[in-house]
Structure formats: C-alpha cells, structure tokens
N, C-alpha and C. Protein backbone atom coordinates (compact mmCIF):
# COMPACT_ATOMS: atom_id res chain seq x y z
N UNK A 1 6.19 14.40 -12.90
CA UNK A 1 7.37 14.46 -12.09
C UNK A 1 7.26 13.51 -10.89
N UNK A 2 6.09 13.50 -10.24
CA UNK A 2 5.89 12.64 -9.08
C UNK A 2 5.96 11.17 -9.47
N UNK A 3 5.39 10.81 -10.62
CA UNK A 3 5.44 9.43 -11.09
C UNK A 3 6.89 9.02 -11.31
N UNK A 4 7.70 9.89 -11.86
CA UNK A 4 9.11 9.60 -12.07
C UNK A 4 9.81 9.36 -10.73
N UNK A 5 9.48 10.16 -9.72
CA UNK A 5 10.07 9.98 -8.39
C UNK A 5 9.68 8.62 -7.81
N UNK A 6 8.43 8.22 -7.99
CA UNK A 6 7.98 6.91 -7.51
C UNK A 6 8.73 5.80 -8.23
N UNK A 7 8.87 5.92 -9.53
CA UNK A 7 9.59 4.92 -10.32
C UNK A 7 11.04 4.80 -9.84
N UNK A 8 11.67 5.92 -9.55
CA UNK A 8 13.04 5.90 -9.05
C UNK A 8 13.12 5.24 -7.67
N UNK A 9 12.15 5.52 -6.81
CA UNK A 9 12.14 4.91 -5.47
C UNK A 9 11.97 3.40 -5.56
N UNK A 10 11.09 2.95 -6.45
CA UNK A 10 10.89 1.50 -6.63
C UNK A 10 12.16 0.87 -7.18
N UNK A 11 12.80 1.52 -8.14
CA UNK A 11 14.04 0.99 -8.71
C UNK A 11 15.14 0.94 -7.65
N UNK A 12 15.22 1.95 -6.81
CA UNK A 12 16.22 1.97 -5.74
C UNK A 12 15.98 0.85 -4.74
N UNK A 13 14.72 0.60 -4.42
CA UNK A 13 14.39 -0.48 -3.49
C UNK A 13 14.79 -1.83 -4.07
N UNK A 14 14.64 -1.99 -5.36
CA UNK A 14 15.03 -3.25 -6.01
C UNK A 14 16.53 -3.46 -5.98
N UNK A 15 17.30 -2.37 -6.04
CA UNK A 15 18.75 -2.50 -6.15
C UNK A 15 19.45 -2.61 -4.80
N UNK A 16 18.73 -2.47 -3.71
CA UNK A 16 19.34 -2.58 -2.39
C UNK A 16 19.00 -3.92 -1.77
N UNK A 17 19.56 -4.17 -0.60
CA UNK A 17 19.29 -5.43 0.07
C UNK A 17 17.87 -5.48 0.63
N UNK A 18 17.23 -4.32 0.82
CA UNK A 18 15.85 -4.30 1.28
C UNK A 18 14.96 -4.49 0.06
N UNK A 19 14.19 -5.54 0.10
CA UNK A 19 13.33 -5.81 -1.03
C UNK A 19 11.94 -5.22 -0.80
N UNK A 20 11.40 -4.69 -1.86
CA UNK A 20 10.03 -4.22 -1.76
C UNK A 20 9.12 -5.44 -1.67
N UNK A 21 8.03 -5.28 -1.00
CA UNK A 21 7.04 -6.35 -0.93
C UNK A 21 5.78 -5.88 -1.63
N UNK A 22 5.11 -6.82 -2.24
CA UNK A 22 3.88 -6.50 -2.95
C UNK A 22 2.77 -7.41 -2.47
N UNK A 23 1.63 -6.81 -2.18
CA UNK A 23 0.45 -7.56 -1.80
C UNK A 23 -0.68 -7.18 -2.74
N UNK A 24 -1.53 -8.16 -3.06
CA UNK A 24 -2.65 -7.90 -3.95
C UNK A 24 -3.90 -8.58 -3.42
N UNK A 25 -4.94 -7.80 -3.24
CA UNK A 25 -6.24 -8.30 -2.83
C UNK A 25 -7.11 -8.37 -4.08
N UNK A 26 -7.22 -9.56 -4.64
CA UNK A 26 -7.96 -9.73 -5.90
C UNK A 26 -9.43 -9.38 -5.76
N UNK A 27 -10.02 -9.74 -4.63
CA UNK A 27 -11.45 -9.50 -4.43
C UNK A 27 -11.79 -8.01 -4.50
N UNK A 28 -10.93 -7.18 -3.90
CA UNK A 28 -11.16 -5.73 -3.88
C UNK A 28 -10.33 -4.98 -4.91
N UNK A 29 -9.51 -5.69 -5.67
CA UNK A 29 -8.65 -5.12 -6.70
C UNK A 29 -7.78 -3.99 -6.16
N UNK A 30 -7.17 -4.24 -4.99
CA UNK A 30 -6.26 -3.27 -4.39
C UNK A 30 -4.89 -3.91 -4.20
N UNK A 31 -3.86 -3.12 -4.35
CA UNK A 31 -2.49 -3.61 -4.17
C UNK A 31 -1.74 -2.63 -3.28
N UNK A 32 -0.72 -3.17 -2.61
CA UNK A 32 0.15 -2.33 -1.80
C UNK A 32 1.59 -2.73 -2.10
N UNK A 33 2.41 -1.75 -2.40
CA UNK A 33 3.83 -1.96 -2.62
C UNK A 33 4.57 -1.25 -1.50
N UNK A 34 5.25 -2.03 -0.66
CA UNK A 34 6.02 -1.48 0.44
C UNK A 34 7.47 -1.32 -0.02
N UNK A 35 8.04 -0.16 0.23
CA UNK A 35 9.42 0.10 -0.19
C UNK A 35 10.42 -0.08 0.93
N UNK A 36 9.94 -0.43 2.11
CA UNK A 36 10.80 -0.68 3.26
C UNK A 36 10.46 -2.06 3.82
N UNK A 37 11.37 -2.58 4.64
CA UNK A 37 11.18 -3.93 5.17
C UNK A 37 9.95 -4.03 6.06
N UNK A 38 9.67 -3.00 6.84
CA UNK A 38 8.54 -3.04 7.76
C UNK A 38 8.01 -1.63 7.97
N UNK A 39 6.71 -1.49 7.95
CA UNK A 39 6.07 -0.21 8.25
C UNK A 39 5.33 -0.38 9.56
N UNK A 40 5.82 0.28 10.60
CA UNK A 40 5.18 0.18 11.92
C UNK A 40 3.82 0.86 11.90
N UNK A 41 2.94 0.39 12.76
CA UNK A 41 1.63 1.02 12.89
C UNK A 41 1.81 2.50 13.18
N UNK A 42 1.14 3.33 12.42
CA UNK A 42 1.21 4.77 12.62
C UNK A 42 2.39 5.46 11.96
N UNK A 43 3.28 4.71 11.34
CA UNK A 43 4.47 5.32 10.72
C UNK A 43 4.11 6.13 9.49
N UNK A 44 3.12 5.68 8.73
CA UNK A 44 2.68 6.41 7.55
C UNK A 44 1.72 7.50 8.02
N UNK A 45 2.24 8.71 8.14
CA UNK A 45 1.46 9.80 8.70
C UNK A 45 0.70 10.60 7.65
N UNK A 46 1.02 10.36 6.40
CA UNK A 46 0.34 11.12 5.33
C UNK A 46 0.17 10.25 4.10
N UNK A 47 -0.98 10.36 3.47
CA UNK A 47 -1.22 9.71 2.18
C UNK A 47 -1.40 10.81 1.14
N UNK A 48 -0.58 10.72 0.10
CA UNK A 48 -0.60 11.73 -0.95
C UNK A 48 -1.24 11.12 -2.19
N UNK A 49 -2.37 11.67 -2.65
CA UNK A 49 -2.98 11.13 -3.87
C UNK A 49 -2.13 11.49 -5.09
N UNK A 50 -2.06 10.56 -6.02
CA UNK A 50 -1.30 10.77 -7.25
C UNK A 50 -2.29 10.93 -8.39
N UNK A 51 -2.22 12.05 -9.06
CA UNK A 51 -3.12 12.33 -10.18
C UNK A 51 -2.55 11.78 -11.48
N UNK A 52 -3.43 11.50 -12.42
CA UNK A 52 -3.00 11.13 -13.76
C UNK A 52 -2.69 9.66 -13.97
N UNK A 53 -3.08 8.80 -13.03
CA UNK A 53 -2.79 7.37 -13.18
C UNK A 53 -3.77 6.74 -14.15
N UNK A 54 -5.00 7.11 -14.11
CA UNK A 54 -6.01 6.57 -15.00
C UNK A 54 -7.39 6.77 -14.41
N UNK A 55 -8.39 6.68 -15.25
CA UNK A 55 -9.76 6.92 -14.80
C UNK A 55 -10.26 5.84 -13.86
N UNK A 56 -9.76 4.61 -14.01
CA UNK A 56 -10.25 3.49 -13.22
C UNK A 56 -9.36 3.12 -12.05
N UNK A 57 -8.40 3.97 -11.70
CA UNK A 57 -7.47 3.63 -10.62
C UNK A 57 -7.16 4.86 -9.78
N UNK A 58 -6.84 4.59 -8.52
CA UNK A 58 -6.39 5.63 -7.60
C UNK A 58 -5.09 5.14 -6.96
N UNK A 59 -4.13 6.05 -6.82
CA UNK A 59 -2.85 5.72 -6.20
C UNK A 59 -2.58 6.72 -5.08
N UNK A 60 -2.14 6.18 -3.94
CA UNK A 60 -1.80 7.00 -2.79
C UNK A 60 -0.40 6.63 -2.33
N UNK A 61 0.43 7.64 -2.10
CA UNK A 61 1.77 7.43 -1.58
C UNK A 61 1.72 7.56 -0.06
N UNK A 62 2.29 6.60 0.64
CA UNK A 62 2.40 6.67 2.10
C UNK A 62 3.77 7.22 2.45
N UNK A 63 3.79 8.29 3.25
CA UNK A 63 5.06 8.89 3.66
C UNK A 63 5.10 8.99 5.19
N UNK A 64 6.32 8.98 5.72
CA UNK A 64 6.49 9.10 7.17
C UNK A 64 6.61 10.57 7.56
N UNK A 65 6.83 10.82 8.85
CA UNK A 65 6.89 12.19 9.37
C UNK A 65 8.02 13.00 8.76
N UNK A 66 9.06 12.32 8.25
CA UNK A 66 10.18 13.03 7.62
C UNK A 66 9.99 13.20 6.12
N UNK A 67 8.87 12.73 5.60
CA UNK A 67 8.60 12.86 4.18
C UNK A 67 9.16 11.73 3.34
N UNK A 68 9.68 10.69 3.99
CA UNK A 68 10.22 9.54 3.24
C UNK A 68 9.09 8.67 2.72
N UNK A 69 9.23 8.21 1.51
CA UNK A 69 8.24 7.35 0.88
C UNK A 69 8.37 5.94 1.44
N UNK A 70 7.28 5.45 2.03
CA UNK A 70 7.26 4.11 2.62
C UNK A 70 6.65 3.08 1.69
N UNK A 71 5.64 3.50 0.95
CA UNK A 71 4.95 2.55 0.07
C UNK A 71 3.86 3.25 -0.71
N UNK A 72 3.17 2.48 -1.54
CA UNK A 72 2.08 3.03 -2.30
C UNK A 72 0.92 2.05 -2.37
N UNK A 73 -0.27 2.60 -2.29
CA UNK A 73 -1.49 1.82 -2.37
C UNK A 73 -2.15 2.10 -3.71
N UNK A 74 -2.61 1.05 -4.36
CA UNK A 74 -3.24 1.18 -5.67
C UNK A 74 -4.64 0.58 -5.60
N UNK A 75 -5.63 1.40 -5.81
CA UNK A 75 -7.02 0.96 -5.87
C UNK A 75 -7.37 0.90 -7.35
N UNK A 76 -7.87 -0.25 -7.79
CA UNK A 76 -8.04 -0.47 -9.23
C UNK A 76 -6.74 -0.98 -9.83
N UNK A 77 -6.06 -1.81 -9.06
CA UNK A 77 -4.73 -2.29 -9.43
C UNK A 77 -4.72 -3.07 -10.74
N UNK A 78 -5.81 -3.76 -11.05
CA UNK A 78 -5.86 -4.55 -12.27
C UNK A 78 -5.69 -3.73 -13.53
N UNK A 79 -6.07 -2.45 -13.48
CA UNK A 79 -5.91 -1.59 -14.66
C UNK A 79 -4.67 -0.71 -14.57
N UNK A 80 -4.14 -0.51 -13.35
CA UNK A 80 -3.02 0.43 -13.17
C UNK A 80 -1.66 -0.23 -13.14
N UNK A 81 -1.59 -1.50 -12.76
CA UNK A 81 -0.29 -2.16 -12.62
C UNK A 81 -0.12 -3.24 -13.68
N UNK A 82 1.12 -3.49 -14.08
CA UNK A 82 1.38 -4.57 -15.04
C UNK A 82 0.96 -5.92 -14.45
N UNK A 83 0.46 -6.80 -15.28
CA UNK A 83 0.02 -8.13 -14.84
C UNK A 83 1.14 -8.86 -14.10
N UNK A 84 2.36 -8.69 -14.53
CA UNK A 84 3.52 -9.34 -13.89
C UNK A 84 3.64 -8.96 -12.42
N UNK A 85 3.39 -7.71 -12.11
CA UNK A 85 3.47 -7.23 -10.73
C UNK A 85 2.40 -7.92 -9.89
N UNK A 86 1.19 -7.99 -10.42
CA UNK A 86 0.09 -8.62 -9.69
C UNK A 86 0.30 -10.12 -9.52
N UNK A 87 0.84 -10.77 -10.53
CA UNK A 87 1.09 -12.21 -10.47
C UNK A 87 2.15 -12.56 -9.41
N UNK A 88 3.12 -11.68 -9.21
CA UNK A 88 4.20 -11.92 -8.26
C UNK A 88 3.87 -11.45 -6.85
N UNK A 89 2.74 -10.79 -6.67
CA UNK A 89 2.37 -10.26 -5.36
C UNK A 89 1.82 -11.35 -4.46
N UNK A 90 2.06 -11.18 -3.17
CA UNK A 90 1.47 -12.07 -2.17
C UNK A 90 0.00 -11.71 -2.01
N UNK A 91 -0.80 -12.69 -1.64
CA UNK A 91 -2.20 -12.35 -1.32
C UNK A 91 -2.24 -11.43 -0.10
N UNK A 92 -3.09 -10.44 -0.14
CA UNK A 92 -3.23 -9.51 0.99
C UNK A 92 -3.92 -10.23 2.15
N UNK A 93 -3.57 -9.80 3.34
CA UNK A 93 -4.27 -10.39 4.48
C UNK A 93 -3.51 -10.51 5.67
C-alpha cells in the first residue's frame, strides 16, 4: 500500500508544474528523489523506512511536520531503481 502511495506521489509530481528532481551518487550507490521544488534545512522531520523493496536496497521517505511527502532516499539505488531513472539523475553533490 505504501509503495502505491509513493508511486502516486511521484506521478502527481510529474503531472504538475513542480518537477521532481533526481540525484544519484554513483560512488555510494545512493539516490534522492525530491517531490518538491526545494526542501529547506530541517523541513524533513521524519524518515520512514519502506519495507519490501529488496534485499540489497533501503528506501526512506522524507516527510514534513504535516506528514507531507517531500522526497525519498534510496540506498542501493542501482538494484532498486530503473536504469533510466539513474541515467537521467543529476550527480549528487
């Protein structure tokens, strides 16, 4: 159910004028998908781990104080995300 909610949030971000941004750190195999234009320092007050993504990956949802989904962090992104997503991502940094 949670994965479906994330998929819907990503699809909604694509269909609005606010574009999601994707960053990928190849050296550490981590990616971040931001669903808002800017995340201020301290705005993500909670990280929610997502179970069931895969044995070689970890996913955390960043939410604000109101429970709104701001973005998601993927550790082990090379196995958890489609190659197309990683190819289109900006280098992290």
